Amino acid sequence: MTEAAACAFVYVTFIRTTQERLWQALTSVEFTRQYWFGMHQESEWKVGASWQLMFPDGRVADTGEVVEIDPPRRLVLRWRNEFRPELKAEGYSRCTMELEPKDEAVKLTVTHVIDHPESKFIGAVSGGWPLILSNLKSLLETGRVAVETKA
């Protein structure tokens, strides 16, 4: 992707947990459902494996593949929306999740980039990621999500 044509969203948060527990939360079907509004990810979690984000009713929300995986430090996904035609038309994006220990917490950086200026997809994820990651942080730190239903 060229920098001039790329559109990006970056979210950084610090979560009081371990890298291993955060990694499990990011990749486990059961854990993901708790903070991602009933949705979950399906993958074999190895380079080249397919990846899907599934709605609670079994429909496919997003698809892609695992580009890079280094548990519990880094996960890179090739990612495309499948249920909104205008977002699907923009093609694949790249989502990078980096986990870095910081004292008794873990710095989680999520970077979502697409080679499409003024991307509607990036506009959509910039509204979704803060809700999802706030729920993840709250769940890991308190045992409860911050937001029960998607706003």
N, C-alpha and C. Protein backbone atom coordinates (compact mmCIF):
# COMPACT_ATOMS: atom_id res chain seq x y z
N MET A 1 0.83 -1.18 0.00
CA MET A 1 0.00 0.00 0.00
C MET A 1 0.88 1.25 0.00
N THR A 2 0.49 2.19 -0.78
CA THR A 2 1.25 3.43 -0.82
C THR A 2 0.73 4.36 0.26
N GLU A 3 1.63 5.07 0.91
CA GLU A 3 1.24 5.96 2.00
C GLU A 3 0.29 7.06 1.53
N ALA A 4 0.53 7.60 0.34
CA ALA A 4 -0.27 8.72 -0.14
C ALA A 4 -1.72 8.32 -0.36
N ALA A 5 -1.97 7.07 -0.78
CA ALA A 5 -3.32 6.64 -1.09
C ALA A 5 -3.98 5.89 0.06
N ALA A 6 -3.25 5.60 1.11
CA ALA A 6 -3.78 4.81 2.21
C ALA A 6 -4.61 5.66 3.16
N CYS A 7 -5.58 5.01 3.76
CA CYS A 7 -6.41 5.61 4.80
C CYS A 7 -6.25 4.70 6.01
N ALA A 8 -6.07 5.27 7.19
CA ALA A 8 -5.76 4.45 8.36
C ALA A 8 -6.51 4.88 9.60
N PHE A 9 -6.70 3.91 10.50
CA PHE A 9 -7.23 4.13 11.83
C PHE A 9 -6.29 3.45 12.81
N VAL A 10 -5.89 4.18 13.86
CA VAL A 10 -5.00 3.61 14.88
C VAL A 10 -5.64 3.83 16.24
N TYR A 11 -5.66 2.78 17.05
CA TYR A 11 -6.21 2.85 18.40
C TYR A 11 -5.20 2.24 19.36
N VAL A 12 -4.86 2.96 20.42
CA VAL A 12 -3.92 2.48 21.42
C VAL A 12 -4.61 2.49 22.77
N THR A 13 -4.50 1.40 23.50
CA THR A 13 -5.03 1.33 24.85
C THR A 13 -4.09 0.52 25.72
N PHE A 14 -4.15 0.75 27.01
CA PHE A 14 -3.35 0.00 27.97
C PHE A 14 -4.31 -0.81 28.82
N ILE A 15 -4.08 -2.11 28.90
CA ILE A 15 -4.98 -3.01 29.61
C ILE A 15 -4.21 -3.71 30.72
N ARG A 16 -4.74 -3.65 31.91
CA ARG A 16 -4.09 -4.29 33.05
C ARG A 16 -4.35 -5.80 32.96
N THR A 17 -3.44 -6.50 32.30
CA THR A 17 -3.51 -7.95 32.11
C THR A 17 -2.14 -8.41 31.65
N THR A 18 -2.03 -9.67 31.26
CA THR A 18 -0.78 -10.19 30.71
C THR A 18 -0.90 -10.31 29.19
N GLN A 19 0.23 -10.37 28.52
CA GLN A 19 0.21 -10.56 27.06
C GLN A 19 -0.53 -11.85 26.70
N GLU A 20 -0.28 -12.91 27.46
CA GLU A 20 -0.87 -14.21 27.16
C GLU A 20 -2.40 -14.17 27.30
N ARG A 21 -2.87 -13.52 28.35
CA ARG A 21 -4.32 -13.43 28.56
C ARG A 21 -4.97 -12.55 27.50
N LEU A 22 -4.32 -11.46 27.12
CA LEU A 22 -4.84 -10.59 26.07
C LEU A 22 -4.85 -11.33 24.73
N TRP A 23 -3.80 -12.06 24.44
CA TRP A 23 -3.73 -12.84 23.20
C TRP A 23 -4.89 -13.83 23.14
N GLN A 24 -5.12 -14.53 24.24
CA GLN A 24 -6.23 -15.49 24.29
C GLN A 24 -7.55 -14.77 24.05
N ALA A 25 -7.72 -13.59 24.66
CA ALA A 25 -8.95 -12.83 24.48
C ALA A 25 -9.15 -12.41 23.03
N LEU A 26 -8.07 -12.12 22.33
CA LEU A 26 -8.16 -11.69 20.93
C LEU A 26 -8.42 -12.84 19.97
N THR A 27 -8.05 -14.06 20.33
CA THR A 27 -8.12 -15.18 19.39
C THR A 27 -9.08 -16.29 19.78
N SER A 28 -9.61 -16.29 20.98
CA SER A 28 -10.51 -17.34 21.45
C SER A 28 -11.96 -17.04 21.07
N VAL A 29 -12.64 -18.02 20.50
CA VAL A 29 -14.04 -17.86 20.10
C VAL A 29 -14.90 -17.46 21.31
N GLU A 30 -14.75 -18.21 22.40
CA GLU A 30 -15.59 -17.98 23.58
C GLU A 30 -15.37 -16.58 24.17
N PHE A 31 -14.11 -16.17 24.26
CA PHE A 31 -13.81 -14.87 24.85
C PHE A 31 -14.27 -13.74 23.93
N THR A 32 -14.02 -13.90 22.63
CA THR A 32 -14.38 -12.86 21.67
C THR A 32 -15.87 -12.55 21.71
N ARG A 33 -16.69 -13.59 21.80
CA ARG A 33 -18.15 -13.39 21.84
C ARG A 33 -18.58 -12.47 22.98
N GLN A 34 -17.84 -12.51 24.09
CA GLN A 34 -18.22 -11.73 25.27
C GLN A 34 -18.07 -10.22 25.05
N TYR A 35 -17.06 -9.80 24.31
CA TYR A 35 -16.83 -8.35 24.17
C TYR A 35 -17.12 -7.82 22.77
N TRP A 36 -17.36 -8.70 21.79
CA TRP A 36 -17.57 -8.28 20.40
C TRP A 36 -19.05 -8.42 20.03
N PHE A 37 -19.96 -8.15 20.98
CA PHE A 37 -21.40 -8.13 20.76
C PHE A 37 -21.92 -9.43 20.17
N GLY A 38 -21.39 -10.55 20.67
CA GLY A 38 -21.83 -11.87 20.23
C GLY A 38 -21.13 -12.40 19.00
N MET A 39 -20.34 -11.57 18.34
CA MET A 39 -19.61 -12.01 17.14
C MET A 39 -18.36 -12.79 17.58
N HIS A 40 -17.83 -13.56 16.65
CA HIS A 40 -16.59 -14.28 16.96
C HIS A 40 -15.77 -14.47 15.69
N GLN A 41 -14.49 -14.76 15.90
CA GLN A 41 -13.57 -15.00 14.80
C GLN A 41 -13.33 -16.50 14.65
N GLU A 42 -13.15 -16.94 13.42
CA GLU A 42 -12.81 -18.32 13.14
C GLU A 42 -11.54 -18.35 12.31
N SER A 43 -10.55 -19.09 12.78
CA SER A 43 -9.29 -19.25 12.05
C SER A 43 -8.48 -20.37 12.69
N GLU A 44 -7.54 -20.91 11.93
CA GLU A 44 -6.57 -21.86 12.49
C GLU A 44 -5.40 -21.13 13.12
N TRP A 45 -5.36 -19.81 12.98
CA TRP A 45 -4.33 -18.95 13.58
C TRP A 45 -2.92 -19.38 13.20
N LYS A 46 -2.70 -19.53 11.89
CA LYS A 46 -1.35 -19.73 11.36
C LYS A 46 -1.25 -18.96 10.05
N VAL A 47 -0.04 -18.60 9.65
CA VAL A 47 0.17 -17.81 8.44
C VAL A 47 -0.48 -18.51 7.24
N GLY A 48 -1.26 -17.75 6.48
CA GLY A 48 -1.93 -18.27 5.30
C GLY A 48 -3.31 -18.84 5.57
N ALA A 49 -3.67 -19.01 6.84
CA ALA A 49 -4.98 -19.57 7.19
C ALA A 49 -6.07 -18.55 6.90
N SER A 50 -7.23 -19.06 6.52
CA SER A 50 -8.37 -18.17 6.32
C SER A 50 -8.83 -17.63 7.67
N TRP A 51 -9.49 -16.49 7.63
CA TRP A 51 -10.01 -15.83 8.82
C TRP A 51 -11.40 -15.31 8.51
N GLN A 52 -12.33 -15.49 9.44
CA GLN A 52 -13.68 -14.98 9.27
C GLN A 52 -14.16 -14.38 10.59
N LEU A 53 -14.92 -13.30 10.47
CA LEU A 53 -15.63 -12.73 11.60
C LEU A 53 -17.10 -13.06 11.36
N MET A 54 -17.71 -13.73 12.34
CA MET A 54 -19.06 -14.26 12.17
C MET A 54 -20.06 -13.52 13.05
N PHE A 55 -21.22 -13.21 12.48
CA PHE A 55 -22.33 -12.67 13.25
C PHE A 55 -22.87 -13.75 14.19
N PRO A 56 -23.57 -13.37 15.26
CA PRO A 56 -24.13 -14.37 16.17
C PRO A 56 -25.07 -15.38 15.48
N ASP A 57 -25.73 -14.95 14.39
CA ASP A 57 -26.66 -15.85 13.69
C ASP A 57 -25.97 -16.74 12.65
N GLY A 58 -24.63 -16.67 12.57
CA GLY A 58 -23.88 -17.54 11.66
C GLY A 58 -23.52 -16.92 10.33
N ARG A 59 -24.05 -15.73 10.04
CA ARG A 59 -23.68 -15.06 8.78
C ARG A 59 -22.23 -14.56 8.87
N VAL A 60 -21.59 -14.47 7.71
CA VAL A 60 -20.22 -13.97 7.64
C VAL A 60 -20.24 -12.45 7.58
N ALA A 61 -19.52 -11.82 8.50
CA ALA A 61 -19.42 -10.36 8.51
C ALA A 61 -18.21 -9.91 7.70
N ASP A 62 -17.05 -10.48 7.98
CA ASP A 62 -15.80 -10.11 7.34
C ASP A 62 -14.97 -11.37 7.08
N THR A 63 -14.11 -11.29 6.05
CA THR A 63 -13.24 -12.41 5.73
C THR A 63 -11.83 -11.91 5.46
N GLY A 64 -10.92 -12.86 5.39
CA GLY A 64 -9.54 -12.53 5.07
C GLY A 64 -8.63 -13.70 5.34
N GLU A 65 -7.39 -13.35 5.72
CA GLU A 65 -6.44 -14.41 6.04
C GLU A 65 -5.40 -13.88 7.03
N VAL A 66 -4.76 -14.83 7.71
CA VAL A 66 -3.70 -14.49 8.64
C VAL A 66 -2.44 -14.24 7.82
N VAL A 67 -1.92 -13.01 7.90
CA VAL A 67 -0.73 -12.61 7.14
C VAL A 67 0.53 -12.86 7.97
N GLU A 68 0.42 -12.56 9.27
CA GLU A 68 1.56 -12.70 10.17
C GLU A 68 1.02 -13.04 11.55
N ILE A 69 1.70 -13.93 12.27
CA ILE A 69 1.27 -14.28 13.61
C ILE A 69 2.49 -14.60 14.46
N ASP A 70 2.59 -13.92 15.60
CA ASP A 70 3.72 -14.10 16.52
C ASP A 70 3.16 -14.03 17.95
N PRO A 71 2.51 -15.12 18.41
CA PRO A 71 1.90 -15.11 19.74
C PRO A 71 2.94 -14.91 20.83
N PRO A 72 2.70 -14.15 21.86
CA PRO A 72 1.53 -13.28 22.08
C PRO A 72 1.85 -11.82 21.78
N ARG A 73 2.58 -11.57 20.72
CA ARG A 73 3.06 -10.21 20.44
C ARG A 73 2.41 -9.50 19.26
N ARG A 74 2.10 -10.23 18.17
CA ARG A 74 1.69 -9.55 16.94
C ARG A 74 0.80 -10.45 16.10
N LEU A 75 -0.26 -9.83 15.57
CA LEU A 75 -1.18 -10.52 14.66
C LEU A 75 -1.51 -9.55 13.53
N VAL A 76 -1.35 -10.01 12.30
CA VAL A 76 -1.68 -9.19 11.13
C VAL A 76 -2.69 -9.96 10.29
N LEU A 77 -3.82 -9.31 10.00
CA LEU A 77 -4.89 -9.93 9.21
C LEU A 77 -5.14 -9.15 7.93
N ARG A 78 -5.36 -9.86 6.85
CA ARG A 78 -5.91 -9.29 5.62
C ARG A 78 -7.42 -9.35 5.83
N TRP A 79 -8.14 -8.23 5.65
CA TRP A 79 -9.52 -8.11 6.17
C TRP A 79 -10.40 -7.41 5.14
N ARG A 80 -11.55 -8.03 4.83
CA ARG A 80 -12.52 -7.39 3.93
C ARG A 80 -13.93 -7.55 4.49
N ASN A 81 -14.69 -6.48 4.47
CA ASN A 81 -16.09 -6.52 4.86
C ASN A 81 -16.88 -7.28 3.81
N GLU A 82 -17.81 -8.11 4.25
CA GLU A 82 -18.60 -8.93 3.32
C GLU A 82 -20.09 -8.59 3.29
N PHE A 83 -20.60 -7.81 4.24
CA PHE A 83 -22.05 -7.63 4.33
C PHE A 83 -22.54 -6.25 3.89
N ARG A 84 -21.64 -5.30 3.67
CA ARG A 84 -22.04 -3.99 3.15
C ARG A 84 -21.37 -3.80 1.79
N PRO A 85 -22.12 -3.82 0.69
CA PRO A 85 -21.54 -3.77 -0.65
C PRO A 85 -20.57 -2.61 -0.88
N GLU A 86 -20.89 -1.42 -0.33
CA GLU A 86 -20.02 -0.26 -0.54
C GLU A 86 -18.67 -0.43 0.17
N LEU A 87 -18.65 -1.19 1.27
CA LEU A 87 -17.39 -1.44 1.98
C LEU A 87 -16.62 -2.58 1.32
N LYS A 88 -17.35 -3.62 0.90
CA LYS A 88 -16.72 -4.75 0.22
C LYS A 88 -16.03 -4.28 -1.06
N ALA A 89 -16.64 -3.31 -1.73
CA ALA A 89 -16.10 -2.81 -3.00
C ALA A 89 -14.73 -2.16 -2.82
N GLU A 90 -14.40 -1.71 -1.62
CA GLU A 90 -13.09 -1.09 -1.38
C GLU A 90 -11.97 -2.12 -1.31
N GLY A 91 -12.31 -3.38 -1.21
CA GLY A 91 -11.29 -4.43 -1.20
C GLY A 91 -10.75 -4.73 0.19
N TYR A 92 -9.57 -5.30 0.19
CA TYR A 92 -8.97 -5.75 1.45
C TYR A 92 -8.21 -4.65 2.17
N SER A 93 -8.32 -4.70 3.48
CA SER A 93 -7.55 -3.83 4.36
C SER A 93 -6.53 -4.71 5.08
N ARG A 94 -5.72 -4.07 5.92
CA ARG A 94 -4.73 -4.78 6.72
C ARG A 94 -4.92 -4.33 8.17
N CYS A 95 -5.14 -5.29 9.05
CA CYS A 95 -5.32 -4.99 10.47
C CYS A 95 -4.15 -5.59 11.24
N THR A 96 -3.42 -4.74 11.95
CA THR A 96 -2.28 -5.18 12.74
C THR A 96 -2.59 -4.94 14.21
N MET A 97 -2.42 -5.99 15.02
CA MET A 97 -2.60 -5.89 16.46
C MET A 97 -1.25 -6.19 17.11
N GLU A 98 -0.75 -5.21 17.87
CA GLU A 98 0.55 -5.36 18.53
C GLU A 98 0.34 -5.29 20.03
N LEU A 99 0.93 -6.26 20.75
CA LEU A 99 0.82 -6.35 22.19
C LEU A 99 2.21 -6.18 22.80
N GLU A 100 2.35 -5.19 23.66
CA GLU A 100 3.66 -4.89 24.26
C GLU A 100 3.52 -4.72 25.77
N PRO A 101 4.24 -5.52 26.57
CA PRO A 101 4.12 -5.38 28.02
C PRO A 101 4.61 -4.02 28.51
N LYS A 102 3.87 -3.45 29.45
CA LYS A 102 4.22 -2.17 30.08
C LYS A 102 3.90 -2.30 31.56
N ASP A 103 4.93 -2.54 32.38
CA ASP A 103 4.74 -2.74 33.82
C ASP A 103 3.71 -3.84 34.05
N GLU A 104 2.59 -3.52 34.73
CA GLU A 104 1.57 -4.52 35.02
C GLU A 104 0.44 -4.51 33.99
N ALA A 105 0.69 -3.88 32.85
CA ALA A 105 -0.32 -3.77 31.81
C ALA A 105 0.27 -4.20 30.46
N VAL A 106 -0.57 -4.20 29.47
CA VAL A 106 -0.15 -4.49 28.10
C VAL A 106 -0.65 -3.35 27.22
N LYS A 107 0.25 -2.80 26.43
CA LYS A 107 -0.11 -1.78 25.45
C LYS A 107 -0.62 -2.52 24.21
N LEU A 108 -1.87 -2.27 23.85
CA LEU A 108 -2.46 -2.87 22.65
C LEU A 108 -2.62 -1.77 21.62
N THR A 109 -1.99 -1.96 20.46
CA THR A 109 -2.12 -1.03 19.35
C THR A 109 -2.80 -1.75 18.19
N VAL A 110 -3.93 -1.23 17.76
CA VAL A 110 -4.64 -1.78 16.60
C VAL A 110 -4.53 -0.75 15.48
N THR A 111 -3.94 -1.16 14.37
CA THR A 111 -3.78 -0.29 13.20
C THR A 111 -4.53 -0.93 12.04
N HIS A 112 -5.51 -0.22 11.51
CA HIS A 112 -6.30 -0.73 10.39
C HIS A 112 -6.06 0.20 9.21
N VAL A 113 -5.52 -0.34 8.11
CA VAL A 113 -5.11 0.46 6.95
C VAL A 113 -5.72 -0.13 5.68
N ILE A 114 -6.14 0.75 4.77
CA ILE A 114 -6.63 0.31 3.47
C ILE A 114 -6.08 1.26 2.40
N ASP A 115 -5.79 0.71 1.26
CA ASP A 115 -5.25 1.48 0.14
C ASP A 115 -6.41 2.09 -0.65
N HIS A 116 -7.13 2.99 0.02
CA HIS A 116 -8.30 3.62 -0.59
C HIS A 116 -8.49 4.97 0.11
N PRO A 117 -8.17 6.07 -0.57
CA PRO A 117 -8.32 7.37 0.08
C PRO A 117 -9.77 7.63 0.48
N GLU A 118 -9.96 8.30 1.61
CA GLU A 118 -11.30 8.63 2.12
C GLU A 118 -12.19 7.39 2.21
N SER A 119 -11.63 6.32 2.75
CA SER A 119 -12.30 5.03 2.83
C SER A 119 -13.52 5.05 3.75
N LYS A 120 -14.63 4.54 3.22
CA LYS A 120 -15.84 4.35 4.03
C LYS A 120 -15.62 3.20 5.01
N PHE A 121 -14.82 2.22 4.61
CA PHE A 121 -14.51 1.10 5.50
C PHE A 121 -13.78 1.58 6.75
N ILE A 122 -12.76 2.41 6.56
CA ILE A 122 -12.01 2.94 7.71
C ILE A 122 -12.93 3.81 8.56
N GLY A 123 -13.84 4.53 7.94
CA GLY A 123 -14.83 5.29 8.70
C GLY A 123 -15.68 4.38 9.57
N ALA A 124 -16.05 3.22 9.04
CA ALA A 124 -16.86 2.27 9.80
C ALA A 124 -16.06 1.65 10.95
N VAL A 125 -14.83 1.22 10.69
CA VAL A 125 -14.05 0.59 11.77
C VAL A 125 -13.65 1.61 12.83
N SER A 126 -13.53 2.87 12.45
CA SER A 126 -13.17 3.89 13.45
C SER A 126 -14.30 4.11 14.45
N GLY A 127 -15.51 3.71 14.10
CA GLY A 127 -16.61 3.74 15.04
C GLY A 127 -16.74 2.43 15.82
N GLY A 128 -16.36 1.33 15.18
CA GLY A 128 -16.50 0.02 15.81
C GLY A 128 -15.39 -0.35 16.77
N TRP A 129 -14.14 -0.12 16.36
CA TRP A 129 -13.01 -0.52 17.22
C TRP A 129 -13.06 0.09 18.62
N PRO A 130 -13.36 1.39 18.79
CA PRO A 130 -13.39 1.92 20.16
C PRO A 130 -14.39 1.20 21.07
N LEU A 131 -15.56 0.84 20.55
CA LEU A 131 -16.54 0.10 21.33
C LEU A 131 -16.02 -1.29 21.69
N ILE A 132 -15.50 -1.99 20.69
CA ILE A 132 -15.02 -3.36 20.89
C ILE A 132 -13.84 -3.39 21.86
N LEU A 133 -12.88 -2.49 21.67
CA LEU A 133 -11.68 -2.50 22.51
C LEU A 133 -11.96 -1.97 23.91
N SER A 134 -12.93 -1.08 24.05
CA SER A 134 -13.34 -0.65 25.40
C SER A 134 -13.97 -1.82 26.14
N ASN A 135 -14.80 -2.59 25.44
CA ASN A 135 -15.38 -3.78 26.05
C ASN A 135 -14.31 -4.79 26.44
N LEU A 136 -13.33 -4.99 25.56
CA LEU A 136 -12.24 -5.93 25.84
C LEU A 136 -11.48 -5.50 27.09
N LYS A 137 -11.11 -4.25 27.15
CA LYS A 137 -10.37 -3.71 28.30
C LYS A 137 -11.17 -3.88 29.58
N SER A 138 -12.42 -3.48 29.55
CA SER A 138 -13.27 -3.57 30.73
C SER A 138 -13.45 -5.03 31.16
N LEU A 139 -13.69 -5.92 30.22
CA LEU A 139 -13.89 -7.33 30.54
C LEU A 139 -12.65 -7.94 31.19
N LEU A 140 -11.48 -7.65 30.65
CA LEU A 140 -10.25 -8.19 31.22
C LEU A 140 -9.94 -7.61 32.60
N GLU A 141 -10.27 -6.34 32.80
CA GLU A 141 -9.93 -5.68 34.06
C GLU A 141 -10.98 -5.84 35.16
N THR A 142 -12.27 -5.95 34.77
CA THR A 142 -13.33 -5.98 35.77
C THR A 142 -14.23 -7.21 35.70
N GLY A 143 -14.14 -7.96 34.60
CA GLY A 143 -15.02 -9.11 34.43
C GLY A 143 -16.34 -8.76 33.78
N ARG A 144 -16.54 -7.47 33.42
CA ARG A 144 -17.77 -7.04 32.77
C ARG A 144 -17.45 -6.15 31.58
N VAL A 145 -18.26 -6.20 30.53
CA VAL A 145 -18.06 -5.32 29.38
C VAL A 145 -18.58 -3.92 29.73
N ALA A 146 -18.09 -2.93 28.99
CA ALA A 146 -18.50 -1.54 29.20
C ALA A 146 -19.84 -1.24 28.55
N VAL A 147 -20.08 -1.80 27.36
CA VAL A 147 -21.29 -1.54 26.58
C VAL A 147 -21.93 -2.87 26.23
N GLU A 148 -23.18 -3.06 26.64
CA GLU A 148 -23.86 -4.35 26.44
C GLU A 148 -24.28 -4.59 25.00
N THR A 149 -24.83 -3.58 24.33
CA THR A 149 -25.28 -3.74 22.96
C THR A 149 -24.60 -2.72 22.09
N LYS A 150 -24.44 -3.05 20.82
CA LYS A 150 -23.77 -2.15 19.89
C LYS A 150 -24.59 -0.88 19.73
N ALA A 151 -23.91 0.26 19.86
CA ALA A 151 -24.60 1.55 19.73
C ALA A 151 -24.92 1.86 18.28
